Amino acid sequence: MATGGEILPWKNPKLFQEEILRKRIAFFESVPDGVVAFADRGIPDQLAFARYKGFGAPEFQV
């Protein structure tokens, strides 16, 4: 926000959703086997956000 970026849910919700999804996938893929990690939100949240905003899931998510 301080840098005037465009990846904000109220400025560009589709781009915001895609960026957050990329980061969530990267997080899940970065956790080594056997390590416990906590994420308070998950990929299904991104599907719900996309549906709420009226656009479909990104191609790499379907």
PDB file of N, CA and C in Angstrom:
ATOM      1  N   MET A   1       0.816  -1.184   0.000  1.00  0.00           N
ATOM      2  CA  MET A   1       0.000   0.000   0.000  1.00  0.00           C
ATOM      3  C   MET A   1       0.863   1.251   0.000  1.00  0.00           C
ATOM      4  N   ALA A   2       1.940   1.230   0.742  1.00  0.00           N
ATOM      5  CA  ALA A   2       2.791   2.413   0.829  1.00  0.00           C
ATOM      6  C   ALA A   2       3.457   2.734  -0.500  1.00  0.00           C
ATOM      7  N   THR A   3       3.630   1.739  -1.359  1.00  0.00           N
ATOM      8  CA  THR A   3       4.302   1.971  -2.635  1.00  0.00           C
ATOM      9  C   THR A   3       3.325   2.305  -3.754  1.00  0.00           C
ATOM     10  N   GLY A   4       2.040   2.333  -3.460  1.00  0.00           N
ATOM     11  CA  GLY A   4       1.053   2.648  -4.483  1.00  0.00           C
ATOM     12  C   GLY A   4       0.816   1.519  -5.460  1.00  0.00           C
ATOM     13  N   GLY A   5       1.057   0.289  -5.029  1.00  0.00           N
ATOM     14  CA  GLY A   5       0.904  -0.866  -5.905  1.00  0.00           C
ATOM     15  C   GLY A   5      -0.529  -1.108  -6.338  1.00  0.00           C
ATOM     16  N   GLU A   6      -0.672  -1.931  -7.348  1.00  0.00           N
ATOM     17  CA  GLU A   6      -1.979  -2.258  -7.906  1.00  0.00           C
ATOM     18  C   GLU A   6      -2.522  -3.590  -7.400  1.00  0.00           C
ATOM     19  N   ILE A   7      -1.699  -4.371  -6.705  1.00  0.00           N
ATOM     20  CA  ILE A   7      -2.141  -5.702  -6.274  1.00  0.00           C
ATOM     21  C   ILE A   7      -2.825  -5.579  -4.911  1.00  0.00           C
ATOM     22  N   LEU A   8      -3.988  -4.960  -4.928  1.00  0.00           N
ATOM     23  CA  LEU A   8      -4.792  -4.759  -3.730  1.00  0.00           C
ATOM     24  C   LEU A   8      -6.212  -5.226  -4.041  1.00  0.00           C
ATOM     25  N   PRO A   9      -6.898  -5.824  -3.065  1.00  0.00           N
ATOM     26  CA  PRO A   9      -8.214  -6.387  -3.357  1.00  0.00           C
ATOM     27  C   PRO A   9      -9.239  -5.349  -3.807  1.00  0.00           C
ATOM     28  N   TRP A  10      -9.097  -4.107  -3.403  1.00  0.00           N
ATOM     29  CA  TRP A  10     -10.061  -3.085  -3.806  1.00  0.00           C
ATOM     30  C   TRP A  10      -9.662  -2.375  -5.103  1.00  0.00           C
ATOM     31  N   LYS A  11      -8.418  -2.560  -5.546  1.00  0.00           N
ATOM     32  CA  LYS A  11      -7.975  -1.955  -6.805  1.00  0.00           C
ATOM     33  C   LYS A  11      -8.058  -2.937  -7.969  1.00  0.00           C
ATOM     34  N   ASN A  12      -7.581  -4.145  -7.749  1.00  0.00           N
ATOM     35  CA  ASN A  12      -7.538  -5.152  -8.812  1.00  0.00           C
ATOM     36  C   ASN A  12      -7.747  -6.529  -8.180  1.00  0.00           C
ATOM     37  N   PRO A  13      -8.997  -6.883  -7.868  1.00  0.00           N
ATOM     38  CA  PRO A  13      -9.251  -8.128  -7.139  1.00  0.00           C
ATOM     39  C   PRO A  13      -8.772  -9.388  -7.859  1.00  0.00           C
ATOM     40  N   LYS A  14      -8.850  -9.402  -9.180  1.00  0.00           N
ATOM     41  CA  LYS A  14      -8.405 -10.602  -9.913  1.00  0.00           C
ATOM     42  C   LYS A  14      -6.897 -10.782  -9.794  1.00  0.00           C
ATOM     43  N   LEU A  15      -6.144  -9.722  -9.997  1.00  0.00           N
ATOM     44  CA  LEU A  15      -4.690  -9.789  -9.862  1.00  0.00           C
ATOM     45  C   LEU A  15      -4.300 -10.112  -8.419  1.00  0.00           C
ATOM     46  N   PHE A  16      -5.013  -9.528  -7.460  1.00  0.00           N
ATOM     47  CA  PHE A  16      -4.770  -9.805  -6.045  1.00  0.00           C
ATOM     48  C   PHE A  16      -4.965 -11.292  -5.758  1.00  0.00           C
ATOM     49  N   GLN A  17      -6.069 -11.849  -6.240  1.00  0.00           N
ATOM     50  CA  GLN A  17      -6.369 -13.259  -6.003  1.00  0.00           C
ATOM     51  C   GLN A  17      -5.297 -14.153  -6.613  1.00  0.00           C
ATOM     52  N   GLU A  18      -4.866 -13.838  -7.830  1.00  0.00           N
ATOM     53  CA  GLU A  18      -3.849 -14.654  -8.494  1.00  0.00           C
ATOM     54  C   GLU A  18      -2.517 -14.600  -7.747  1.00  0.00           C
ATOM     55  N   GLU A  19      -2.138 -13.425  -7.272  1.00  0.00           N
ATOM     56  CA  GLU A  19      -0.871 -13.283  -6.548  1.00  0.00           C
ATOM     57  C   GLU A  19      -0.911 -14.017  -5.207  1.00  0.00           C
ATOM     58  N   ILE A  20      -1.999 -13.868  -4.480  1.00  0.00           N
ATOM     59  CA  ILE A  20      -2.127 -14.566  -3.199  1.00  0.00           C
ATOM     60  C   ILE A  20      -2.119 -16.072  -3.422  1.00  0.00           C
ATOM     61  N   LEU A  21      -2.797 -16.536  -4.449  1.00  0.00           N
ATOM     62  CA  LEU A  21      -2.809 -17.967  -4.752  1.00  0.00           C
ATOM     63  C   LEU A  21      -1.401 -18.471  -5.056  1.00  0.00           C
ATOM     64  N   ARG A  22      -0.654 -17.737  -5.864  1.00  0.00           N
ATOM     65  CA  ARG A  22       0.738 -18.134  -6.162  1.00  0.00           C
ATOM     66  C   ARG A  22       1.554 -18.255  -4.873  1.00  0.00           C
ATOM     67  N   LYS A  23       1.374 -17.291  -3.982  1.00  0.00           N
ATOM     68  CA  LYS A  23       2.132 -17.313  -2.720  1.00  0.00           C
ATOM     69  C   LYS A  23       1.698 -18.474  -1.830  1.00  0.00           C
ATOM     70  N   ARG A  24       0.419 -18.777  -1.812  1.00  0.00           N
ATOM     71  CA  ARG A  24      -0.053 -19.907  -1.000  1.00  0.00           C
ATOM     72  C   ARG A  24       0.482 -21.223  -1.538  1.00  0.00           C
ATOM     73  N   ILE A  25       0.444 -21.392  -2.854  1.00  0.00           N
ATOM     74  CA  ILE A  25       0.972 -22.615  -3.456  1.00  0.00           C
ATOM     75  C   ILE A  25       2.460 -22.730  -3.170  1.00  0.00           C
ATOM     76  N   ALA A  26       3.194 -21.630  -3.312  1.00  0.00           N
ATOM     77  CA  ALA A  26       4.637 -21.640  -3.032  1.00  0.00           C
ATOM     78  C   ALA A  26       4.901 -22.021  -1.581  1.00  0.00           C
ATOM     79  N   PHE A  27       4.081 -21.519  -0.664  1.00  0.00           N
ATOM     80  CA  PHE A  27       4.249 -21.872   0.747  1.00  0.00           C
ATOM     81  C   PHE A  27       4.055 -23.371   0.952  1.00  0.00           C
ATOM     82  N   PHE A  28       2.956 -23.914   0.433  1.00  0.00           N
ATOM     83  CA  PHE A  28       2.687 -25.342   0.609  1.00  0.00           C
ATOM     84  C   PHE A  28       3.793 -26.196  -0.001  1.00  0.00           C
ATOM     85  N   GLU A  29       4.299 -25.787  -1.151  1.00  0.00           N
ATOM     86  CA  GLU A  29       5.369 -26.546  -1.806  1.00  0.00           C
ATOM     87  C   GLU A  29       6.706 -26.401  -1.093  1.00  0.00           C
ATOM     88  N   SER A  30       6.888 -25.341  -0.319  1.00  0.00           N
ATOM     89  CA  SER A  30       8.172 -25.106   0.343  1.00  0.00           C
ATOM     90  C   SER A  30       8.331 -25.868   1.658  1.00  0.00           C
ATOM     91  N   VAL A  31       7.247 -26.378   2.194  1.00  0.00           N
ATOM     92  CA  VAL A  31       7.312 -27.078   3.481  1.00  0.00           C
ATOM     93  C   VAL A  31       7.881 -28.477   3.254  1.00  0.00           C
ATOM     94  N   PRO A  32       9.013 -28.771   3.876  1.00  0.00           N
ATOM     95  CA  PRO A  32       9.618 -30.098   3.700  1.00  0.00           C
ATOM     96  C   PRO A  32       8.731 -31.208   4.275  1.00  0.00           C
ATOM     97  N   ASP A  33       8.863 -32.387   3.721  1.00  0.00           N
ATOM     98  CA  ASP A  33       8.145 -33.545   4.248  1.00  0.00           C
ATOM     99  C   ASP A  33       8.509 -33.738   5.714  1.00  0.00           C
ATOM    100  N   GLY A  34       7.529 -34.062   6.511  1.00  0.00           N
ATOM    101  CA  GLY A  34       7.756 -34.326   7.920  1.00  0.00           C
ATOM    102  C   GLY A  34       7.764 -33.085   8.795  1.00  0.00           C
ATOM    103  N   VAL A  35       7.636 -31.913   8.204  1.00  0.00           N
ATOM    104  CA  VAL A  35       7.621 -30.665   8.965  1.00  0.00           C
ATOM    105  C   VAL A  35       6.176 -30.212   9.117  1.00  0.00           C
ATOM    106  N   VAL A  36       5.825 -29.802  10.330  1.00  0.00           N
ATOM    107  CA  VAL A  36       4.489 -29.296  10.580  1.00  0.00           C
ATOM    108  C   VAL A  36       4.498 -27.793  10.308  1.00  0.00           C
ATOM    109  N   ALA A  37       3.556 -27.351   9.499  1.00  0.00           N
ATOM    110  CA  ALA A  37       3.435 -25.925   9.186  1.00  0.00           C
ATOM    111  C   ALA A  37       1.970 -25.529   9.302  1.00  0.00           C
ATOM    112  N   PHE A  38       1.732 -24.300   9.668  1.00  0.00           N
ATOM    113  CA  PHE A  38       0.371 -23.810   9.866  1.00  0.00           C
ATOM    114  C   PHE A  38       0.065 -22.700   8.868  1.00  0.00           C
ATOM    115  N   ALA A  39      -1.073 -22.807   8.224  1.00  0.00           N
ATOM    116  CA  ALA A  39      -1.574 -21.747   7.351  1.00  0.00           C
ATOM    117  C   ALA A  39      -3.021 -21.490   7.761  1.00  0.00           C
ATOM    118  N   ASP A  40      -3.326 -20.269   8.172  1.00  0.00           N
ATOM    119  CA  ASP A  40      -4.684 -19.994   8.640  1.00  0.00           C
ATOM    120  C   ASP A  40      -5.676 -19.805   7.500  1.00  0.00           C
ATOM    121  N   ARG A  41      -5.189 -19.717   6.285  1.00  0.00           N
ATOM    122  CA  ARG A  41      -6.036 -19.666   5.099  1.00  0.00           C
ATOM    123  C   ARG A  41      -5.460 -20.626   4.080  1.00  0.00           C
ATOM    124  N   GLY A  42      -6.293 -21.101   3.192  1.00  0.00           N
ATOM    125  CA  GLY A  42      -5.816 -22.065   2.215  1.00  0.00           C
ATOM    126  C   GLY A  42      -6.314 -21.763   0.818  1.00  0.00           C
ATOM    127  N   ILE A  43      -6.018 -22.666  -0.072  1.00  0.00           N
ATOM    128  CA  ILE A  43      -6.392 -22.512  -1.470  1.00  0.00           C
ATOM    129  C   ILE A  43      -7.917 -22.448  -1.642  1.00  0.00           C
ATOM    130  N   PRO A  44      -8.714 -23.205  -0.889  1.00  0.00           N
ATOM    131  CA  PRO A  44     -10.171 -23.064  -1.034  1.00  0.00           C
ATOM    132  C   PRO A  44     -10.671 -21.642  -0.768  1.00  0.00           C
ATOM    133  N   ASP A  45      -9.981 -20.910   0.106  1.00  0.00           N
ATOM    134  CA  ASP A  45     -10.361 -19.516   0.339  1.00  0.00           C
ATOM    135  C   ASP A  45     -10.231 -18.693  -0.937  1.00  0.00           C
ATOM    136  N   GLN A  46      -9.226 -18.996  -1.740  1.00  0.00           N
ATOM    137  CA  GLN A  46      -9.027 -18.267  -2.990  1.00  0.00           C
ATOM    138  C   GLN A  46     -10.127 -18.587  -3.992  1.00  0.00           C
ATOM    139  N   LEU A  47     -10.573 -19.838  -4.016  1.00  0.00           N
ATOM    140  CA  LEU A  47     -11.702 -20.200  -4.879  1.00  0.00           C
ATOM    141  C   LEU A  47     -12.962 -19.445  -4.465  1.00  0.00           C
ATOM    142  N   ALA A  48     -13.193 -19.351  -3.167  1.00  0.00           N
ATOM    143  CA  ALA A  48     -14.367 -18.631  -2.670  1.00  0.00           C
ATOM    144  C   ALA A  48     -14.277 -17.143  -3.007  1.00  0.00           C
ATOM    145  N   PHE A  49     -13.097 -16.555  -2.855  1.00  0.00           N
ATOM    146  CA  PHE A  49     -12.907 -15.142  -3.183  1.00  0.00           C
ATOM    147  C   PHE A  49     -13.179 -14.900  -4.665  1.00  0.00           C
ATOM    148  N   ALA A  50     -12.654 -15.774  -5.519  1.00  0.00           N
ATOM    149  CA  ALA A  50     -12.855 -15.636  -6.966  1.00  0.00           C
ATOM    150  C   ALA A  50     -14.339 -15.742  -7.312  1.00  0.00           C
ATOM    151  N   ARG A  51     -15.012 -16.676  -6.708  1.00  0.00           N
ATOM    152  CA  ARG A  51     -16.447 -16.845  -6.971  1.00  0.00           C
ATOM    153  C   ARG A  51     -17.227 -15.623  -6.478  1.00  0.00           C
ATOM    154  N   TYR A  52     -16.889 -15.135  -5.299  1.00  0.00           N
ATOM    155  CA  TYR A  52     -17.554 -13.960  -4.730  1.00  0.00           C
ATOM    156  C   TYR A  52     -17.380 -12.735  -5.632  1.00  0.00           C
ATOM    157  N   LYS A  53     -16.189 -12.578  -6.192  1.00  0.00           N
ATOM    158  CA  LYS A  53     -15.902 -11.428  -7.048  1.00  0.00           C
ATOM    159  C   LYS A  53     -16.395 -11.617  -8.477  1.00  0.00           C
ATOM    160  N   GLY A  54     -16.834 -12.828  -8.819  1.00  0.00           N
ATOM    161  CA  GLY A  54     -17.439 -13.056 -10.117  1.00  0.00           C
ATOM    162  C   GLY A  54     -16.501 -13.471 -11.231  1.00  0.00           C
ATOM    163  N   PHE A  55     -15.314 -13.939 -10.884  1.00  0.00           N
ATOM    164  CA  PHE A  55     -14.426 -14.462 -11.919  1.00  0.00           C
ATOM    165  C   PHE A  55     -13.998 -15.865 -11.540  1.00  0.00           C
ATOM    166  N   GLY A  56     -13.625 -16.639 -12.525  1.00  0.00           N
ATOM    167  CA  GLY A  56     -13.274 -18.033 -12.297  1.00  0.00           C
ATOM    168  C   GLY A  56     -11.875 -18.202 -11.742  1.00  0.00           C
ATOM    169  N   ALA A  57     -11.562 -19.430 -11.452  1.00  0.00           N
ATOM    170  CA  ALA A  57     -10.238 -19.771 -10.937  1.00  0.00           C
ATOM    171  C   ALA A  57      -9.204 -19.618 -12.049  1.00  0.00           C
ATOM    172  N   PRO A  58      -7.984 -19.211 -11.700  1.00  0.00           N
ATOM    173  CA  PRO A  58      -6.921 -19.134 -12.710  1.00  0.00           C
ATOM    174  C   PRO A  58      -6.686 -20.498 -13.345  1.00  0.00           C
ATOM    175  N   GLU A  59      -6.202 -20.504 -14.559  1.00  0.00           N
ATOM    176  CA  GLU A  59      -5.972 -21.746 -15.303  1.00  0.00           C
ATOM    177  C   GLU A  59      -5.138 -22.752 -14.530  1.00  0.00           C
ATOM    178  N   PHE A  60      -4.074 -22.301 -13.872  1.00  0.00           N
ATOM    179  CA  PHE A  60      -3.205 -23.242 -13.179  1.00  0.00           C
ATOM    180  C   PHE A  60      -3.847 -23.822 -11.940  1.00  0.00           C
ATOM    181  N   GLN A  61      -4.984 -23.294 -11.519  1.00  0.00           N
ATOM    182  CA  GLN A  61      -5.665 -23.788 -10.330  1.00  0.00           C
ATOM    183  C   GLN A  61      -6.728 -24.813 -10.681  1.00  0.00           C
ATOM    184  N   VAL A  62      -7.283 -24.755 -11.862  1.00  0.00           N
ATOM    185  CA  VAL A  62      -8.409 -25.614 -12.231  1.00  0.00           C
ATOM    186  C   VAL A  62      -7.976 -27.050 -12.343  1.00  0.00           C
TER     187      VAL A  62
END
